[in-house]
Protein backbone atom coordinates (compact mmCIF):
# COMPACT_ATOMS: atom_id res chain seq x y z
CA MET A 1 23.37 -1.57 12.05
CA THR A 2 22.40 1.76 13.59
CA GLN A 3 20.01 2.09 16.49
CA THR A 4 18.33 5.00 18.24
CA LYS A 5 16.42 4.60 21.47
CA VAL A 6 13.56 6.27 23.33
CA ASP A 7 14.00 4.88 26.84
CA THR A 8 11.39 5.91 29.40
CA VAL A 9 10.45 4.32 32.70
CA TYR A 10 7.21 3.18 31.03
CA TYR A 11 8.48 1.76 27.76
CA THR A 12 11.53 1.45 25.53
CA ILE A 13 11.44 2.06 21.78
CA THR A 14 14.52 1.06 19.82
CA ARG A 15 14.78 1.92 16.12
CA GLY A 16 17.19 0.15 13.81
CA ASP A 17 17.48 -0.44 10.06
CA SER A 18 15.13 -3.35 9.36
CA PRO A 19 11.57 -3.08 7.97
CA LEU A 20 10.53 -5.55 10.72
CA VAL A 21 9.31 -4.28 14.11
CA ALA A 22 8.62 -6.50 17.14
CA THR A 23 6.51 -5.28 20.05
CA ALA A 24 5.79 -6.50 23.59
CA ILE A 25 3.45 -3.85 24.91
CA HIS A 26 1.88 -6.06 27.63
CA ASN A 27 5.18 -7.38 28.98
CA GLY A 28 5.35 -4.93 31.90
CA HIS A 29 4.56 -5.65 35.54
CA GLU A 30 5.51 -2.41 37.34
CA VAL A 31 2.89 0.01 38.67
CA ARG A 32 3.24 3.68 39.52
CA HIS A 33 4.17 4.44 43.14
CA ASN A 34 1.08 6.60 43.76
CA LEU A 35 -1.24 3.80 42.59
CA ARG A 36 0.16 0.82 44.50
CA ALA A 37 -1.90 1.27 47.66
CA LEU A 38 -5.10 1.63 45.61
CA TYR A 39 -5.01 -1.81 44.01
CA ASN A 40 -7.44 -4.46 45.14
CA LEU A 41 -5.35 -7.06 43.29
CA THR A 42 -2.12 -8.67 44.43
CA PRO A 43 0.93 -8.54 42.16
CA GLN A 44 0.39 -12.26 41.48
CA GLU A 45 -3.19 -11.64 40.36
CA ARG A 46 -2.00 -8.89 38.03
CA LEU A 47 0.79 -11.04 36.63
CA ARG A 48 -1.72 -13.70 35.60
CA GLU A 49 -3.26 -11.39 33.00
CA GLU A 50 0.00 -9.80 31.84
CA ASP A 51 2.27 -11.09 29.06
CA PRO A 52 5.52 -11.95 30.84
CA PHE A 53 8.46 -13.13 28.72
CA THR A 54 7.27 -11.46 25.51
CA ALA A 55 10.14 -8.97 25.96
CA GLU A 56 12.52 -11.91 25.44
CA TRP A 57 11.15 -12.36 21.92
CA VAL A 58 11.53 -8.84 20.51
CA SER A 59 15.27 -9.41 20.05
CA ILE A 60 14.50 -11.13 16.71
CA THR A 61 14.83 -7.70 15.06
CA ASP A 62 16.55 -4.36 15.67
CA ASN A 63 13.26 -2.43 15.89
CA GLN A 64 11.70 -3.10 19.28
CA ILE A 65 8.87 -1.66 21.40
CA THR A 66 8.65 -3.00 24.96
CA GLY A 67 6.26 -1.96 27.73
CA HIS A 68 7.60 -1.96 31.30
CA TYR A 69 4.46 -1.10 33.29
CA SER A 70 1.40 -3.22 33.94
CA ARG A 71 -1.68 -3.20 31.76
CA PHE A 72 -3.56 -2.83 35.06
CA GLU A 73 -2.27 0.73 35.24
CA LEU A 74 -2.68 1.48 31.56
CA ASP A 75 -3.58 -0.89 28.73
CA LEU A 76 -1.76 0.27 25.60
CA ASN A 77 -3.73 -2.21 23.50
CA ARG A 78 -7.13 -0.64 24.17
CA PRO A 79 -8.68 2.59 22.87
CA PRO A 80 -8.28 5.66 25.11
CA LYS A 81 -11.69 5.40 26.79
CA LYS A 82 -11.01 1.76 27.75
CA ALA A 83 -7.28 2.01 28.51
CA ILE A 84 -7.85 2.15 32.28
CA TYR A 85 -9.77 -0.76 33.80
CA ARG A 86 -12.43 0.93 35.95
CA LYS A 87 -15.03 -1.85 36.35
CA PRO A 88 -14.78 -5.65 36.71
CA GLU A 89 -16.20 -6.13 33.21
CA ASP A 90 -13.16 -4.26 31.86
CA ALA A 91 -10.79 -6.78 33.46
CA TRP A 92 -12.00 -10.39 33.23
CA GLY A 93 -14.39 -9.82 36.15
CA LEU A 94 -11.62 -8.64 38.49
CA GLN A 95 -12.15 -5.79 40.94
CA VAL A 96 -8.99 -3.82 40.12
CA TRP A 97 -9.33 -0.91 42.56
CA LYS A 98 -10.29 -0.79 46.24
CA GLU A 99 -12.42 2.25 45.43
CA GLU A 100 -12.99 4.43 42.39
CA LEU A 101 -9.74 5.65 40.84
CA PRO A 102 -9.27 9.44 41.39
CA GLU A 103 -9.50 11.33 38.12
CA GLU A 104 -6.22 13.19 38.60
CA LEU A 105 -4.40 9.86 38.79
CA ALA A 106 -6.25 8.60 35.72
CA ARG A 107 -5.21 11.75 33.83
CA GLU A 108 -1.61 11.14 34.81
CA SER A 109 -1.82 7.66 33.30
CA MET A 110 -3.45 8.92 30.11
CA LYS A 111 -0.64 11.42 29.56
CA ARG A 112 1.67 8.38 29.41
CA TYR A 113 -0.69 6.72 26.95
CA ASP A 114 -0.73 9.74 24.63
CA LYS A 115 3.06 10.05 24.78
CA PHE A 116 3.49 6.36 23.93
CA TYR A 117 1.36 6.65 20.82
CA GLU A 118 3.12 9.86 19.82
CA ASP A 119 6.52 8.15 20.12
CA VAL A 120 5.37 5.06 18.20
CA LYS A 121 3.98 7.26 15.42
CA GLN A 122 7.30 9.07 15.19
CA MET A 123 9.23 5.80 15.06
CA LEU A 124 7.08 4.25 12.34
CA THR A 125 7.05 7.48 10.32
CA GLN A 126 10.85 7.53 10.37
CA LEU A 127 11.04 3.87 9.33
CA LEU A 128 8.64 4.53 6.46
CA ASP A 129 10.99 7.27 5.25
CA GLU A 130 13.52 4.46 4.75
CA HIS A 131 11.29 1.55 3.65
CA ALA A 132 8.34 1.27 1.29
CA CYS A 133 6.48 -0.99 3.74
CA LEU A 134 6.84 -2.37 7.26
CA VAL A 135 5.77 -5.55 9.00
CA ILE A 136 5.07 -5.65 12.74
CA TYR A 137 5.00 -8.67 15.03
CA ASP A 138 2.63 -7.58 17.82
CA LEU A 139 3.55 -10.20 20.44
CA HIS A 140 1.18 -11.32 23.20
CA THR A 141 0.24 -14.33 25.32
CA TYR A 142 -3.11 -15.56 26.60
CA ASN A 143 -4.50 -17.74 29.39
CA HIS A 144 -6.16 -21.11 28.85
CA ARG A 145 -6.59 -22.43 32.41
CA ARG A 146 -9.14 -20.04 33.82
CA GLU A 147 -10.80 -22.81 35.87
CA GLY A 148 -7.86 -22.77 38.29
CA PRO A 149 -4.41 -24.38 38.49
CA THR A 150 -5.84 -27.89 38.72
CA GLY A 151 -8.87 -27.26 36.52
CA PRO A 152 -9.27 -28.34 32.92
CA ALA A 153 -7.54 -26.48 30.12
CA ALA A 154 -9.70 -24.58 27.64
CA ASP A 155 -10.88 -26.51 24.56
CA PRO A 156 -7.89 -26.64 22.18
CA GLU A 157 -10.25 -26.48 19.20
CA GLU A 158 -11.08 -22.92 20.19
CA ASN A 159 -7.69 -22.04 21.67
CA PRO A 160 -4.80 -22.58 19.24
CA GLU A 161 -1.26 -22.58 20.58
CA VAL A 162 -0.52 -19.65 18.29
CA ASN A 163 -3.33 -17.34 17.21
CA ILE A 164 -2.46 -14.95 14.38
CA GLY A 165 -4.76 -11.92 14.54
CA THR A 166 -5.09 -10.11 11.23
CA GLY A 167 -7.86 -7.72 12.25
CA ASN A 168 -8.49 -4.69 10.10
CA MET A 169 -5.60 -5.13 7.65
CA ASN A 170 -5.99 -5.30 3.89
CA ARG A 171 -5.95 -9.09 4.07
CA GLU A 172 -5.83 -9.59 0.30
CA LYS A 173 -2.77 -7.40 -0.13
CA TRP A 174 -0.89 -8.87 2.82
CA ALA A 175 -1.80 -12.51 2.14
CA PRO A 176 1.79 -13.50 1.18
CA VAL A 177 3.17 -12.03 4.41
CA VAL A 178 0.53 -13.62 6.66
CA GLU A 179 0.90 -16.96 4.93
CA ALA A 180 4.70 -16.83 5.17
CA LEU A 181 4.49 -16.31 8.93
CA MET A 182 1.91 -19.04 9.47
CA HIS A 183 3.73 -21.53 7.26
CA SER A 184 7.04 -20.90 9.02
CA LEU A 185 5.63 -21.19 12.55
CA SER A 186 3.53 -24.24 11.64
CA ASN A 187 6.56 -26.06 10.22
CA HIS A 188 9.06 -25.19 12.92
CA ASN A 189 10.43 -28.23 14.71
CA TYR A 190 9.13 -27.34 18.16
CA GLN A 191 10.79 -29.83 20.49
CA GLY A 192 10.00 -32.65 18.12
CA ARG A 193 6.48 -31.63 17.19
CA LYS A 194 4.53 -28.98 15.26
CA LEU A 195 2.75 -25.98 16.74
CA ASP A 196 -0.99 -25.47 16.27
CA VAL A 197 -1.06 -22.14 14.38
CA ARG A 198 -4.36 -20.64 13.22
CA GLU A 199 -5.73 -17.27 12.19
CA ASN A 200 -8.39 -15.18 13.98
CA VAL A 201 -9.72 -18.06 16.08
CA LYS A 202 -9.32 -16.56 19.55
CA PHE A 203 -8.37 -12.94 18.78
CA GLU A 204 -8.34 -10.69 15.73
CA GLY A 205 -5.98 -8.10 17.23
CA GLY A 206 -6.46 -5.13 19.54
CA HIS A 207 -6.47 -1.36 19.39
CA PHE A 208 -2.70 -1.04 18.85
CA MET A 209 -2.91 -3.00 15.58
CA ARG A 210 -6.02 -1.16 14.47
CA TRP A 211 -4.54 2.26 15.24
CA ILE A 212 -1.42 1.47 13.20
CA HIS A 213 -3.45 0.28 10.22
CA ASP A 214 -5.78 3.29 10.47
CA THR A 215 -2.84 5.69 10.78
CA PHE A 216 -0.50 4.28 8.14
CA GLY A 217 -2.88 2.39 5.87
CA ASP A 218 -1.47 -0.22 3.51
CA LYS A 219 2.13 0.74 4.20
CA VAL A 220 2.21 -1.35 7.37
CA CYS A 221 1.22 -4.97 8.00
CA VAL A 222 0.60 -5.69 11.70
CA MET A 223 0.10 -9.29 12.78
CA SER A 224 -0.98 -9.84 16.37
CA ILE A 225 0.76 -13.05 17.45
CA GLU A 226 -0.79 -14.56 20.58
CA PHE A 227 0.93 -17.54 22.20
CA LYS A 228 -1.22 -19.59 24.51
CA LYS A 229 0.57 -19.93 27.86
CA PHE A 230 1.42 -23.58 27.24
CA PHE A 231 5.09 -22.66 27.81
CA MET A 232 4.51 -21.55 31.41
CA ASP A 233 2.34 -22.00 34.48
CA GLU A 234 -0.14 -19.14 34.17
CA TRP A 235 -1.12 -19.42 37.85
CA THR A 236 2.39 -19.21 39.36
CA GLY A 237 4.02 -17.24 36.56
CA GLU A 238 6.82 -19.81 36.31
CA PRO A 239 8.12 -20.36 32.77
CA ASP A 240 9.72 -23.31 31.08
CA GLN A 241 12.76 -21.36 29.92
CA ALA A 242 13.62 -23.93 27.26
CA GLN A 243 10.21 -23.32 25.67
CA VAL A 244 10.51 -19.53 26.01
CA GLN A 245 13.73 -19.76 24.00
CA GLU A 246 12.25 -22.24 21.52
CA ILE A 247 9.42 -19.80 20.79
CA ARG A 248 12.00 -17.08 20.21
CA GLN A 249 13.77 -19.41 17.79
CA ALA A 250 10.52 -20.14 15.96
CA LEU A 251 9.88 -16.41 15.59
CA GLN A 252 13.47 -15.79 14.51
CA GLN A 253 13.21 -18.51 11.87
CA SER A 254 10.07 -16.85 10.45
CA THR A 255 11.69 -13.48 9.82
CA ARG A 256 13.46 -14.41 6.59
CA PRO A 257 10.41 -15.74 4.70
CA VAL A 258 8.25 -12.94 6.10
CA LEU A 259 10.69 -10.25 4.93
CA GLU A 260 10.96 -11.94 1.52
CA ALA A 261 7.17 -11.85 1.26
CA LEU A 262 7.12 -8.20 2.36
CA ALA A 263 9.59 -7.30 -0.41
CA GLN A 264 7.40 -9.16 -2.91
CA VAL A 265 4.24 -7.31 -1.84
CA CYS A 266 5.91 -3.90 -1.81
CA GLN A 267 7.13 -4.29 -5.37
CA VAL A 268 3.57 -4.67 -6.62
């Protein structure tokens, strides 16, 4: 196995030999030094909306993209005009900044955004020189206890434990790949039970997925995999490490059937 790495303070991109890429672009919690005093939110409030522990899951493959900085500085999963949360309606009703963010600081953030997308494009272009098609696990988590730490959980009918977002892909072409992932995750022995895995119930995927599909067309299948935060306390940020590792195992187990399905599709 050969690997090359783009390692910046903001993100790490590692390229290996596999046609499978795993990403954790909302994993980060750091914020830039010249922004810290401007936040109206505490680190704990920011952490609640971030995707901690997703970086522990990208190790299922040798191609990895991991974000290190908070989405409250720069959201890599939103289009450029929405990548910085400026108003409460951009950020779950939260007042992110004490006062309006200075434009020069916003421009500094957006330079990082542009560089990230440039580096990802280069990585995927290089992988497509070696493989006919690629599959990407776009890994995220989401909250389901917004009524407070002692409040009721969100209705499980509308909030599956695992939401597979298939957004703007060519769903007919990639059906074998999507179905292989969902079948594998649904049938994994998760601590003696089965996970509730459904498609496009809570989310259909964000800008990152859509940009990849728009840029590379039918050569790349991106599936946005959102785990409900049932494996952690979303209010304290404390994980159940056994469950974090069990989720990694479930994802790892899915890679073989998914890659077999990818090979089948790319021969057509």
